Amino acid sequence: MNNVIKLANRPEGKPQLNDFKFSEEERPEPKEGEILLEAKYISVDPYLRGRMRDVESYIAPFELNEPMESTVVAEVIESNNTNFDKGEFVFGMLKWKELQTSTGNGLNKVDPEQAPLSAYLGILGLTGLTAYISLDKIANLKSGETLLVSGASGAVGSTVGQIGKIKGCRVVGIAGSDEKLSLMKDKFGFDEGINYKSTENMQEAVAKACPDGVDVYYDNVGGEILDAALNNINKNGRVINCGAISLYNEKETPQGPRHEGILVKKTVLMQGFLVRDHAKEFGPAIQQLAQWLQEGKITYEETVVEGFKNIPQAFLDLFEGKNKGKMVVKI
């Protein structure tokens, strides 16, 4: 039998374990032109929370009583497709199943000799690509500028900070514990860090950590931290809106300060980013990230949870900040 995880309910507020349903189905058999895949690592990501809502977005919502999906690294264990050989590894958007068939469309082969398989869900996967391409397209980083990053100990944020250092920037990160601040500075090379959970006035804390102001703010959380960053933004500053995890479980959209005046007076660019809009650029971006990784210019941290049955809990733990770097589940 084959284990599957489905969406059982559309949660109100923070998701719970009972919003997921475990079921079994018959072992799939690949047809002509198909391959049989066995999941090795499954990614859990904050954006999946949005897909649990039945609302229009940049990607279709999950269907009730249908399998969840995310980026997966899998092994080809049977092949009826001449483009794939048994024993090869691939990554792509796949279902939360231990075994599944595929035509191979949308899958990319990965080299376990180049990097550990889990890295293709993080530094060499969508999170690393998000950091690299968004900075390239929007930030226009210049040596000597100040780059402020929220969610800085996470997979995207930690990569953003390291690229900022490669570009010659002063990099300040925001995270939720002193342990994470130490990780940012000691492993990822950040110049300064702010613990938002122990900080009473974020605007003052950002001003102190960024004495020359903020030239680029990389936003993974939204909310009050975004407010603090904008109140310290420099003339011609750039804001990259990559995520808003502080708002994902809110039942209603919170009302906050109106920033139009700052955007006009400081001529600030504020732009959202979706990595899936730039699929044609994935190849060169992965090559550059892999080169930096091999040269020791960037590194990564990951939190690995073991066991297919623990996928839902690993996902929920993201909203409690229990991950350092990329959260992946080893099957």
C-alpha atoms as a PDB file:
ATOM      1  CA  MET A   1       0.000   0.000   0.000  1.00  0.00           C
ATOM      2  CA  ASN A   2       0.994   3.625  -0.533  1.00  0.00           C
ATOM      3  CA  ASN A   3       0.681   6.328   2.140  1.00  0.00           C
ATOM      4  CA  VAL A   4      -0.852   9.712   1.212  1.00  0.00           C
ATOM      5  CA  ILE A   5      -1.532  12.955   3.119  1.00  0.00           C
ATOM      6  CA  LYS A   6      -4.639  14.924   2.112  1.00  0.00           C
ATOM      7  CA  LEU A   7      -6.222  18.229   3.103  1.00  0.00           C
ATOM      8  CA  ALA A   8      -9.120  17.393   5.437  1.00  0.00           C
ATOM      9  CA  ASN A   9     -10.322  20.892   6.380  1.00  0.00           C
ATOM     10  CA  ARG A  10      -9.782  24.520   5.424  1.00  0.00           C
ATOM     11  CA  PRO A  11      -8.401  25.937   8.682  1.00  0.00           C
ATOM     12  CA  GLU A  12      -9.549  29.138  10.348  1.00  0.00           C
ATOM     13  CA  GLY A  13      -6.503  30.802  11.865  1.00  0.00           C
ATOM     14  CA  LYS A  14      -3.538  28.561  12.601  1.00  0.00           C
ATOM     15  CA  PRO A  15      -3.751  25.076  11.008  1.00  0.00           C
ATOM     16  CA  GLN A  16      -4.042  22.047  13.280  1.00  0.00           C
ATOM     17  CA  LEU A  17      -3.071  18.418  12.842  1.00  0.00           C
ATOM     18  CA  ASN A  18      -6.709  17.457  12.295  1.00  0.00           C
ATOM     19  CA  ASP A  19      -6.709  19.598   9.145  1.00  0.00           C
ATOM     20  CA  PHE A  20      -4.681  16.804   7.534  1.00  0.00           C
ATOM     21  CA  LYS A  21      -5.823  13.275   6.755  1.00  0.00           C
ATOM     22  CA  PHE A  22      -3.658  10.196   6.293  1.00  0.00           C
ATOM     23  CA  SER A  23      -4.922   7.578   3.864  1.00  0.00           C
ATOM     24  CA  GLU A  24      -3.701   4.567   1.915  1.00  0.00           C
ATOM     25  CA  GLU A  25      -4.035   3.688  -1.738  1.00  0.00           C
ATOM     26  CA  GLU A  26      -2.816   0.888  -3.945  1.00  0.00           C
ATOM     27  CA  ARG A  27       0.808   0.973  -5.054  1.00  0.00           C
ATOM     28  CA  PRO A  28       0.885   2.811  -8.407  1.00  0.00           C
ATOM     29  CA  GLU A  29       2.275   1.186 -11.543  1.00  0.00           C
ATOM     30  CA  PRO A  30       3.926   3.304 -14.248  1.00  0.00           C
ATOM     31  CA  LYS A  31       2.331   3.230 -17.695  1.00  0.00           C
ATOM     32  CA  GLU A  32       4.164   3.630 -20.979  1.00  0.00           C
ATOM     33  CA  GLY A  33       6.057   6.945 -20.912  1.00  0.00           C
ATOM     34  CA  GLU A  34       5.836   7.211 -17.122  1.00  0.00           C
ATOM     35  CA  ILE A  35       8.235   6.792 -14.229  1.00  0.00           C
ATOM     36  CA  LEU A  36       7.613   5.556 -10.693  1.00  0.00           C
ATOM     37  CA  LEU A  37       9.024   7.871  -8.045  1.00  0.00           C
ATOM     38  CA  GLU A  38       9.824   7.237  -4.387  1.00  0.00           C
ATOM     39  CA  ALA A  39       9.932  10.369  -2.234  1.00  0.00           C
ATOM     40  CA  LYS A  40      13.223  10.953  -0.413  1.00  0.00           C
ATOM     41  CA  TYR A  41      12.827  14.528   0.908  1.00  0.00           C
ATOM     42  CA  ILE A  42       9.700  16.677   1.078  1.00  0.00           C
ATOM     43  CA  SER A  43       9.731  20.447   1.549  1.00  0.00           C
ATOM     44  CA  VAL A  44       7.333  22.263   3.883  1.00  0.00           C
ATOM     45  CA  ASP A  45       6.993  26.001   3.272  1.00  0.00           C
ATOM     46  CA  PRO A  46       4.965  28.878   4.766  1.00  0.00           C
ATOM     47  CA  TYR A  47       3.300  29.721   1.430  1.00  0.00           C
ATOM     48  CA  LEU A  48       1.433  26.395   1.567  1.00  0.00           C
ATOM     49  CA  ARG A  49      -0.810  27.991   4.211  1.00  0.00           C
ATOM     50  CA  GLY A  50      -2.268  30.249   1.525  1.00  0.00           C
ATOM     51  CA  ARG A  51      -3.127  27.276  -0.660  1.00  0.00           C
ATOM     52  CA  MET A  52      -5.230  25.842   2.171  1.00  0.00           C
ATOM     53  CA  ARG A  53      -7.681  28.722   1.625  1.00  0.00           C
ATOM     54  CA  ASP A  54     -10.266  28.584  -1.152  1.00  0.00           C
ATOM     55  CA  VAL A  55      -9.345  31.980  -2.557  1.00  0.00           C
ATOM     56  CA  GLU A  56      -7.908  33.204  -5.840  1.00  0.00           C
ATOM     57  CA  SER A  57      -4.139  33.573  -5.734  1.00  0.00           C
ATOM     58  CA  TYR A  58      -1.038  33.163  -7.882  1.00  0.00           C
ATOM     59  CA  ILE A  59      -1.357  29.372  -7.527  1.00  0.00           C
ATOM     60  CA  ALA A  60      -4.455  27.187  -7.309  1.00  0.00           C
ATOM     61  CA  PRO A  61      -5.721  26.291  -3.830  1.00  0.00           C
ATOM     62  CA  PHE A  62      -5.533  22.728  -2.550  1.00  0.00           C
ATOM     63  CA  GLU A  63      -8.691  20.703  -3.052  1.00  0.00           C
ATOM     64  CA  LEU A  64     -10.403  19.196  -0.022  1.00  0.00           C
ATOM     65  CA  ASN A  65      -9.829  15.445   0.366  1.00  0.00           C
ATOM     66  CA  GLU A  66      -7.080  15.578  -2.260  1.00  0.00           C
ATOM     67  CA  PRO A  67      -3.319  15.145  -1.674  1.00  0.00           C
ATOM     68  CA  MET A  68      -1.245  18.095  -0.535  1.00  0.00           C
ATOM     69  CA  GLU A  69       1.809  18.941  -2.639  1.00  0.00           C
ATOM     70  CA  SER A  70       5.107  20.788  -2.424  1.00  0.00           C
ATOM     71  CA  THR A  71       8.607  20.497  -3.806  1.00  0.00           C
ATOM     72  CA  VAL A  72       9.925  16.948  -3.476  1.00  0.00           C
ATOM     73  CA  VAL A  73      13.215  15.190  -4.186  1.00  0.00           C
ATOM     74  CA  ALA A  74      12.475  11.656  -5.391  1.00  0.00           C
ATOM     75  CA  GLU A  75      14.283   8.620  -6.791  1.00  0.00           C
ATOM     76  CA  VAL A  76      13.270   6.946 -10.044  1.00  0.00           C
ATOM     77  CA  ILE A  77      12.652   3.322  -9.014  1.00  0.00           C
ATOM     78  CA  GLU A  78      10.983   2.187 -12.259  1.00  0.00           C
ATOM     79  CA  SER A  79      11.093   3.804 -15.695  1.00  0.00           C
ATOM     80  CA  ASN A  80       9.046   3.405 -18.835  1.00  0.00           C
ATOM     81  CA  ASN A  81      10.339   6.753 -20.085  1.00  0.00           C
ATOM     82  CA  THR A  82      13.497   6.964 -22.195  1.00  0.00           C
ATOM     83  CA  ASN A  83      14.396  10.347 -20.654  1.00  0.00           C
ATOM     84  CA  PHE A  84      14.809   8.892 -17.167  1.00  0.00           C
ATOM     85  CA  ASP A  85      16.817   5.940 -15.866  1.00  0.00           C
ATOM     86  CA  LYS A  86      16.194   3.870 -12.779  1.00  0.00           C
ATOM     87  CA  GLY A  87      18.301   5.206  -9.896  1.00  0.00           C
ATOM     88  CA  GLU A  88      18.286   8.836 -11.042  1.00  0.00           C
ATOM     89  CA  PHE A  89      17.079  11.576  -8.703  1.00  0.00           C
ATOM     90  CA  VAL A  90      14.708  14.409  -9.606  1.00  0.00           C
ATOM     91  CA  PHE A  91      13.016  17.355  -7.924  1.00  0.00           C
ATOM     92  CA  GLY A  92       9.805  19.156  -8.706  1.00  0.00           C
ATOM     93  CA  MET A  93       6.275  19.891  -7.507  1.00  0.00           C
ATOM     94  CA  LEU A  94       4.879  16.527  -6.425  1.00  0.00           C
ATOM     95  CA  LYS A  95       2.155  15.106  -4.187  1.00  0.00           C
ATOM     96  CA  TRP A  96       2.594  14.198  -0.526  1.00  0.00           C
ATOM     97  CA  LYS A  97       2.809  10.502  -1.355  1.00  0.00           C
ATOM     98  CA  GLU A  98       5.496   7.946  -0.632  1.00  0.00           C
ATOM     99  CA  LEU A  99       5.155   6.614  -4.193  1.00  0.00           C
ATOM    100  CA  GLN A 100       3.694   8.242  -7.315  1.00  0.00           C
ATOM    101  CA  THR A 101       3.915   8.088 -11.087  1.00  0.00           C
ATOM    102  CA  SER A 102       4.866  10.956 -13.385  1.00  0.00           C
ATOM    103  CA  THR A 103       5.387  11.650 -17.079  1.00  0.00           C
ATOM    104  CA  GLY A 104       8.490  13.606 -16.089  1.00  0.00           C
ATOM    105  CA  ASN A 105       7.039  16.969 -17.113  1.00  0.00           C
ATOM    106  CA  GLY A 106       8.206  19.719 -14.752  1.00  0.00           C
ATOM    107  CA  LEU A 107      10.868  17.551 -13.136  1.00  0.00           C
ATOM    108  CA  ASN A 108      14.559  18.424 -13.013  1.00  0.00           C
ATOM    109  CA  LYS A 109      17.320  15.886 -12.575  1.00  0.00           C
ATOM    110  CA  VAL A 110      19.671  16.470  -9.662  1.00  0.00           C
ATOM    111  CA  ASP A 111      23.214  15.323  -9.011  1.00  0.00           C
ATOM    112  CA  PRO A 112      23.796  13.836  -5.531  1.00  0.00           C
ATOM    113  CA  GLU A 113      27.547  14.200  -6.143  1.00  0.00           C
ATOM    114  CA  GLN A 114      27.239  17.982  -6.493  1.00  0.00           C
ATOM    115  CA  ALA A 115      25.383  18.494  -3.209  1.00  0.00           C
ATOM    116  CA  PRO A 116      23.314  16.495  -0.690  1.00  0.00           C
ATOM    117  CA  LEU A 117      19.836  15.690  -2.008  1.00  0.00           C
ATOM    118  CA  SER A 118      18.128  17.877   0.592  1.00  0.00           C
ATOM    119  CA  ALA A 119      20.033  20.926  -0.707  1.00  0.00           C
ATOM    120  CA  TYR A 120      17.873  20.820  -3.841  1.00  0.00           C
ATOM    121  CA  LEU A 121      14.910  21.817  -1.678  1.00  0.00           C
ATOM    122  CA  GLY A 122      16.865  24.668  -0.112  1.00  0.00           C
ATOM    123  CA  ILE A 123      20.009  26.445  -1.245  1.00  0.00           C
ATOM    124  CA  LEU A 124      19.874  24.859  -4.739  1.00  0.00           C
ATOM    125  CA  GLY A 125      16.079  24.725  -4.859  1.00  0.00           C
ATOM    126  CA  LEU A 126      13.227  27.216  -4.863  1.00  0.00           C
ATOM    127  CA  THR A 127      14.392  28.966  -1.700  1.00  0.00           C
ATOM    128  CA  GLY A 128      17.898  29.621  -3.007  1.00  0.00           C
ATOM    129  CA  LEU A 129      16.465  30.592  -6.377  1.00  0.00           C
ATOM    130  CA  THR A 130      14.042  32.993  -4.689  1.00  0.00           C
ATOM    131  CA  ALA A 131      16.877  34.756  -2.888  1.00  0.00           C
ATOM    132  CA  TYR A 132      19.186  34.953  -5.891  1.00  0.00           C
ATOM    133  CA  ILE A 133      16.708  35.969  -8.594  1.00  0.00           C
ATOM    134  CA  SER A 134      14.750  38.470  -6.487  1.00  0.00           C
ATOM    135  CA  LEU A 135      17.928  40.295  -5.475  1.00  0.00           C
ATOM    136  CA  ASP A 136      19.084  40.280  -9.086  1.00  0.00           C
ATOM    137  CA  LYS A 137      15.766  41.585 -10.449  1.00  0.00           C
ATOM    138  CA  ILE A 138      14.765  44.108  -7.792  1.00  0.00           C
ATOM    139  CA  ALA A 139      17.488  44.975  -5.271  1.00  0.00           C
ATOM    140  CA  ASN A 140      20.227  46.327  -7.563  1.00  0.00           C
ATOM    141  CA  LEU A 141      22.625  45.957  -4.622  1.00  0.00           C
ATOM    142  CA  LYS A 142      25.641  48.258  -4.503  1.00  0.00           C
ATOM    143  CA  SER A 143      28.764  47.793  -2.424  1.00  0.00           C
ATOM    144  CA  GLY A 144      28.555  49.742   0.818  1.00  0.00           C
ATOM    145  CA  GLU A 145      24.756  49.745   1.002  1.00  0.00           C
ATOM    146  CA  THR A 146      22.798  48.450   3.995  1.00  0.00           C
ATOM    147  CA  LEU A 147      20.630  45.371   3.420  1.00  0.00           C
ATOM    148  CA  LEU A 148      18.059  44.559   6.121  1.00  0.00           C
ATOM    149  CA  VAL A 149      16.542  41.054   6.090  1.00  0.00           C
ATOM    150  CA  SER A 150      13.608  39.707   8.105  1.00  0.00           C
ATOM    151  CA  GLY A 151      13.194  35.977   8.669  1.00  0.00           C
ATOM    152  CA  ALA A 152      16.961  36.096   8.394  1.00  0.00           C
ATOM    153  CA  SER A 153      17.760  32.695   9.869  1.00  0.00           C
ATOM    154  CA  GLY A 154      15.348  30.943   7.496  1.00  0.00           C
ATOM    155  CA  ALA A 155      16.220  29.362   4.188  1.00  0.00           C
ATOM    156  CA  VAL A 156      15.531  32.389   1.976  1.00  0.00           C
ATOM    157  CA  GLY A 157      16.667  35.026   4.471  1.00  0.00           C
ATOM    158  CA  SER A 158      20.005  33.396   5.262  1.00  0.00           C
ATOM    159  CA  THR A 159      20.787  33.068   1.547  1.00  0.00           C
ATOM    160  CA  VAL A 160      19.797  36.685   0.899  1.00  0.00           C
ATOM    161  CA  GLY A 161      22.188  37.856   3.628  1.00  0.00           C
ATOM    162  CA  GLN A 162      25.093  35.847   2.261  1.00  0.00           C
ATOM    163  CA  ILE A 163      24.567  37.163  -1.266  1.00  0.00           C
ATOM    164  CA  GLY A 164      24.469  40.654   0.237  1.00  0.00           C
ATOM    165  CA  LYS A 165      27.898  40.078   1.776  1.00  0.00           C
ATOM    166  CA  ILE A 166      29.236  38.777  -1.550  1.00  0.00           C
ATOM    167  CA  LYS A 167      28.005  42.054  -3.091  1.00  0.00           C
ATOM    168  CA  GLY A 168      29.854  44.099  -0.449  1.00  0.00           C
ATOM    169  CA  CYS A 169      26.859  45.226   1.620  1.00  0.00           C
ATOM    170  CA  ARG A 170      26.408  45.748   5.343  1.00  0.00           C
ATOM    171  CA  VAL A 171      23.840  43.081   6.244  1.00  0.00           C
ATOM    172  CA  VAL A 172      21.506  43.213   9.248  1.00  0.00           C
ATOM    173  CA  GLY A 173      19.162  40.339  10.034  1.00  0.00           C
ATOM    174  CA  ILE A 174      15.982  40.061  12.100  1.00  0.00           C
ATOM    175  CA  ALA A 175      15.066  36.766  13.789  1.00  0.00           C
ATOM    176  CA  GLY A 176      13.222  35.449  16.834  1.00  0.00           C
ATOM    177  CA  SER A 177      15.921  34.256  19.242  1.00  0.00           C
ATOM    178  CA  ASP A 178      19.444  35.061  20.371  1.00  0.00           C
ATOM    179  CA  GLU A 179      20.474  31.585  19.214  1.00  0.00           C
ATOM    180  CA  LYS A 180      19.304  32.429  15.708  1.00  0.00           C
ATOM    181  CA  LEU A 181      21.141  35.766  15.810  1.00  0.00           C
ATOM    182  CA  SER A 182      24.355  33.928  16.689  1.00  0.00           C
ATOM    183  CA  LEU A 183      23.780  31.527  13.803  1.00  0.00           C
ATOM    184  CA  MET A 184      23.272  34.454  11.420  1.00  0.00           C
ATOM    185  CA  LYS A 185      26.474  36.165  12.448  1.00  0.00           C
ATOM    186  CA  ASP A 186      28.742  33.165  13.077  1.00  0.00           C
ATOM    187  CA  LYS A 187      27.714  30.945  10.154  1.00  0.00           C
ATOM    188  CA  PHE A 188      26.178  33.276   7.576  1.00  0.00           C
ATOM    189  CA  GLY A 189      28.365  36.355   8.119  1.00  0.00           C
ATOM    190  CA  PHE A 190      25.672  38.925   9.010  1.00  0.00           C
ATOM    191  CA  ASP A 191      27.104  42.102  10.510  1.00  0.00           C
ATOM    192  CA  GLU A 192      24.333  42.670  13.072  1.00  0.00           C
ATOM    193  CA  GLY A 193      21.094  41.111  14.259  1.00  0.00           C
ATOM    194  CA  ILE A 194      17.846  42.089  15.986  1.00  0.00           C
ATOM    195  CA  ASN A 195      15.772  39.734  18.152  1.00  0.00           C
ATOM    196  CA  TYR A 196      12.243  40.951  17.451  1.00  0.00           C
ATOM    197  CA  LYS A 197      10.772  38.914  20.293  1.00  0.00           C
ATOM    198  CA  SER A 198      12.828  40.713  22.945  1.00  0.00           C
ATOM    199  CA  THR A 199      12.681  44.149  21.299  1.00  0.00           C
ATOM    200  CA  GLU A 200      10.085  46.630  22.533  1.00  0.00           C
ATOM    201  CA  ASN A 201      10.567  49.270  19.834  1.00  0.00           C
ATOM    202  CA  MET A 202      11.466  47.812  16.427  1.00  0.00           C
ATOM    203  CA  GLN A 203      11.787  51.183  14.751  1.00  0.00           C
ATOM    204  CA  GLU A 204      14.451  52.272  17.241  1.00  0.00           C
ATOM    205  CA  ALA A 205      16.180  48.887  17.045  1.00  0.00           C
ATOM    206  CA  VAL A 206      16.421  49.093  13.247  1.00  0.00           C
ATOM    207  CA  ALA A 207      17.745  52.649  13.478  1.00  0.00           C
ATOM    208  CA  LYS A 208      20.452  51.537  15.910  1.00  0.00           C
ATOM    209  CA  ALA A 209      21.472  48.494  13.860  1.00  0.00           C
ATOM    210  CA  CYS A 210      21.377  50.468  10.591  1.00  0.00           C
ATOM    211  CA  PRO A 211      22.964  53.850  11.495  1.00  0.00           C
ATOM    212  CA  ASP A 212      23.217  54.839   7.822  1.00  0.00           C
ATOM    213  CA  GLY A 213      19.603  53.878   7.164  1.00  0.00           C
ATOM    214  CA  VAL A 214      18.209  50.986   5.117  1.00  0.00           C
ATOM    215  CA  ASP A 215      18.888  50.884   1.387  1.00  0.00           C
ATOM    216  CA  VAL A 216      17.248  47.521   0.689  1.00  0.00           C
ATOM    217  CA  TYR A 217      14.741  45.750   2.913  1.00  0.00           C
ATOM    218  CA  TYR A 218      14.052  42.084   2.155  1.00  0.00           C
ATOM    219  CA  ASP A 219      10.677  41.314   3.700  1.00  0.00           C
ATOM    220  CA  ASN A 220       9.675  37.768   4.614  1.00  0.00           C
ATOM    221  CA  VAL A 221       7.260  38.592   7.440  1.00  0.00           C
ATOM    222  CA  GLY A 222       5.238  41.780   6.827  1.00  0.00           C
ATOM    223  CA  GLY A 223       3.379  43.459   9.695  1.00  0.00           C
ATOM    224  CA  GLU A 224       5.065  45.665  12.278  1.00  0.00           C
ATOM    225  CA  ILE A 225       8.572  44.727  11.149  1.00  0.00           C
ATOM    226  CA  LEU A 226       7.800  46.052   7.678  1.00  0.00           C
ATOM    227  CA  ASP A 227       6.553  49.248   9.331  1.00  0.00           C
ATOM    228  CA  ALA A 228       9.834  49.633  11.239  1.00  0.00           C
ATOM    229  CA  ALA A 229      11.914  49.056   8.113  1.00  0.00           C
ATOM    230  CA  LEU A 230      10.000  51.636   6.075  1.00  0.00           C
ATOM    231  CA  ASN A 231      10.424  54.216   8.812  1.00  0.00           C
ATOM    232  CA  ASN A 232      14.202  53.789   8.381  1.00  0.00           C
ATOM    233  CA  ILE A 233      14.332  53.514   4.588  1.00  0.00           C
ATOM    234  CA  ASN A 234      16.732  55.703   2.635  1.00  0.00           C
ATOM    235  CA  LYS A 235      16.121  57.834  -0.438  1.00  0.00           C
ATOM    236  CA  ASN A 236      15.668  55.546  -3.463  1.00  0.00           C
ATOM    237  CA  GLY A 237      15.346  52.537  -1.150  1.00  0.00           C
ATOM    238  CA  ARG A 238      14.061  49.206  -2.438  1.00  0.00           C
ATOM    239  CA  VAL A 239      11.704  46.815  -0.654  1.00  0.00           C
ATOM    240  CA  ILE A 240      11.301  43.222  -1.834  1.00  0.00           C
ATOM    241  CA  ASN A 241       8.059  41.639  -0.629  1.00  0.00           C
ATOM    242  CA  CYS A 242       8.804  37.925  -0.623  1.00  0.00           C
ATOM    243  CA  GLY A 243       6.515  36.729   2.181  1.00  0.00           C
ATOM    244  CA  ALA A 244       4.287  37.795   5.047  1.00  0.00           C
ATOM    245  CA  ILE A 245       4.336  34.921   7.529  1.00  0.00           C
ATOM    246  CA  SER A 246       3.173  37.183  10.376  1.00  0.00           C
ATOM    247  CA  LEU A 247      -0.176  37.543   8.563  1.00  0.00           C
ATOM    248  CA  TYR A 248      -0.751  34.057   7.133  1.00  0.00           C
ATOM    249  CA  ASN A 249      -2.871  32.760  10.016  1.00  0.00           C
ATOM    250  CA  GLU A 250      -4.852  35.969  10.620  1.00  0.00           C
ATOM    251  CA  LYS A 251      -8.612  35.543  10.167  1.00  0.00           C
ATOM    252  CA  GLU A 252      -8.946  39.163   9.013  1.00  0.00           C
ATOM    253  CA  THR A 253      -6.423  41.486   7.383  1.00  0.00           C
ATOM    254  CA  PRO A 254      -4.944  43.711  10.124  1.00  0.00           C
ATOM    255  CA  GLN A 255      -5.028  47.473   9.599  1.00  0.00           C
ATOM    256  CA  GLY A 256      -1.666  49.184   9.922  1.00  0.00           C
ATOM    257  CA  PRO A 257       0.097  52.469   9.145  1.00  0.00           C
ATOM    258  CA  ARG A 258      -0.317  54.071   5.737  1.00  0.00           C
ATOM    259  CA  HIS A 259       3.076  54.159   4.016  1.00  0.00           C
ATOM    260  CA  GLU A 260       2.240  56.072   0.865  1.00  0.00           C
ATOM    261  CA  GLY A 261       3.887  59.249   2.174  1.00  0.00           C
ATOM    262  CA  ILE A 262       7.188  57.451   2.835  1.00  0.00           C
ATOM    263  CA  LEU A 263       7.137  55.792  -0.576  1.00  0.00           C
ATOM    264  CA  VAL A 264       6.621  59.139  -2.303  1.00  0.00           C
ATOM    265  CA  LYS A 265       9.007  61.287  -0.238  1.00  0.00           C
ATOM    266  CA  LYS A 266      11.801  58.719  -0.372  1.00  0.00           C
ATOM    267  CA  THR A 267      11.001  57.554  -3.936  1.00  0.00           C
ATOM    268  CA  VAL A 268      10.981  53.981  -2.688  1.00  0.00           C
ATOM    269  CA  LEU A 269      10.454  50.964  -4.934  1.00  0.00           C
ATOM    270  CA  MET A 270       8.293  48.313  -3.232  1.00  0.00           C
ATOM    271  CA  GLN A 271       7.745  45.175  -5.290  1.00  0.00           C
ATOM    272  CA  GLY A 272       6.358  41.695  -4.740  1.00  0.00           C
ATOM    273  CA  PHE A 273       8.252  38.667  -6.026  1.00  0.00           C
ATOM    274  CA  LEU A 274       7.160  35.192  -7.158  1.00  0.00           C
ATOM    275  CA  VAL A 275       9.992  32.870  -8.124  1.00  0.00           C
ATOM    276  CA  ARG A 276       7.772  30.748 -10.374  1.00  0.00           C
ATOM    277  CA  ASP A 277       7.521  33.728 -12.763  1.00  0.00           C
ATOM    278  CA  HIS A 278      11.216  33.291 -13.597  1.00  0.00           C
ATOM    279  CA  ALA A 279      11.510  29.575 -14.414  1.00  0.00           C
ATOM    280  CA  LYS A 280      13.588  30.266 -17.539  1.00  0.00           C
ATOM    281  CA  GLU A 281      16.335  31.673 -15.332  1.00  0.00           C
ATOM    282  CA  PHE A 282      16.567  28.730 -12.940  1.00  0.00           C
ATOM    283  CA  GLY A 283      19.446  27.012 -14.761  1.00  0.00           C
ATOM    284  CA  PRO A 284      21.993  29.864 -14.642  1.00  0.00           C
ATOM    285  CA  ALA A 285      20.922  30.762 -11.096  1.00  0.00           C
ATOM    286  CA  ILE A 286      21.479  27.205  -9.835  1.00  0.00           C
ATOM    287  CA  GLN A 287      24.876  27.144 -11.536  1.00  0.00           C
ATOM    288  CA  GLN A 288      25.918  30.351  -9.757  1.00  0.00           C
ATOM    289  CA  LEU A 289      24.616  29.177  -6.380  1.00  0.00           C
ATOM    290  CA  ALA A 290      26.341  25.799  -6.800  1.00  0.00           C
ATOM    291  CA  GLN A 291      29.605  27.538  -7.698  1.00  0.00           C
ATOM    292  CA  TRP A 292      29.424  29.757  -4.597  1.00  0.00           C
ATOM    293  CA  LEU A 293      28.592  26.705  -2.507  1.00  0.00           C
ATOM    294  CA  GLN A 294      31.590  24.771  -3.827  1.00  0.00           C
ATOM    295  CA  GLU A 295      33.854  27.802  -3.319  1.00  0.00           C
ATOM    296  CA  GLY A 296      32.697  28.178   0.277  1.00  0.00           C
ATOM    297  CA  LYS A 297      31.249  31.645  -0.337  1.00  0.00           C
ATOM    298  CA  ILE A 298      27.796  30.547   0.826  1.00  0.00           C
ATOM    299  CA  THR A 299      26.591  27.816   3.142  1.00  0.00           C
ATOM    300  CA  TYR A 300      23.237  26.676   4.467  1.00  0.00           C
ATOM    301  CA  GLU A 301      21.435  25.388   7.510  1.00  0.00           C
ATOM    302  CA  GLU A 302      18.551  22.956   7.482  1.00  0.00           C
ATOM    303  CA  THR A 303      16.182  21.416   9.979  1.00  0.00           C
ATOM    304  CA  VAL A 304      15.538  17.799   9.034  1.00  0.00           C
ATOM    305  CA  VAL A 305      12.489  15.999  10.425  1.00  0.00           C
ATOM    306  CA  GLU A 306      12.377  12.262   9.809  1.00  0.00           C
ATOM    307  CA  GLY A 307       9.334  10.248   8.802  1.00  0.00           C
ATOM    308  CA  PHE A 308       6.469  10.646   6.317  1.00  0.00           C
ATOM    309  CA  LYS A 309       3.946  10.771   9.162  1.00  0.00           C
ATOM    310  CA  ASN A 310       5.645  13.878  10.588  1.00  0.00           C
ATOM    311  CA  ILE A 311       5.147  16.111   7.528  1.00  0.00           C
ATOM    312  CA  PRO A 312       2.088  17.957   8.948  1.00  0.00           C
ATOM    313  CA  GLN A 313       3.773  18.673  12.290  1.00  0.00           C
ATOM    314  CA  ALA A 314       6.910  19.934  10.536  1.00  0.00           C
ATOM    315  CA  PHE A 315       4.702  22.313   8.550  1.00  0.00           C
ATOM    316  CA  LEU A 316       2.985  23.578  11.710  1.00  0.00           C
ATOM    317  CA  ASP A 317       6.365  24.085  13.403  1.00  0.00           C
ATOM    318  CA  LEU A 318       7.257  26.697  10.777  1.00  0.00           C
ATOM    319  CA  PHE A 319       4.740  29.080  12.344  1.00  0.00           C
ATOM    320  CA  GLU A 320       6.340  28.602  15.758  1.00  0.00           C
ATOM    321  CA  GLY A 321       9.807  29.440  14.421  1.00  0.00           C
ATOM    322  CA  LYS A 322      11.167  26.000  15.279  1.00  0.00           C
ATOM    323  CA  ASN A 323      13.233  25.753  12.112  1.00  0.00           C
ATOM    324  CA  LYS A 324      16.761  26.970  11.517  1.00  0.00           C
ATOM    325  CA  GLY A 325      17.246  27.390   7.802  1.00  0.00           C
ATOM    326  CA  LYS A 326      15.240  25.181   5.469  1.00  0.00           C
ATOM    327  CA  MET A 327      12.702  22.795   6.980  1.00  0.00           C
ATOM    328  CA  VAL A 328      12.640  19.459   5.154  1.00  0.00           C
ATOM    329  CA  VAL A 329      11.229  16.037   5.943  1.00  0.00           C
ATOM    330  CA  LYS A 330      13.347  12.973   5.235  1.00  0.00           C
ATOM    331  CA  ILE A 331      11.171  10.058   4.189  1.00  0.00           C
END
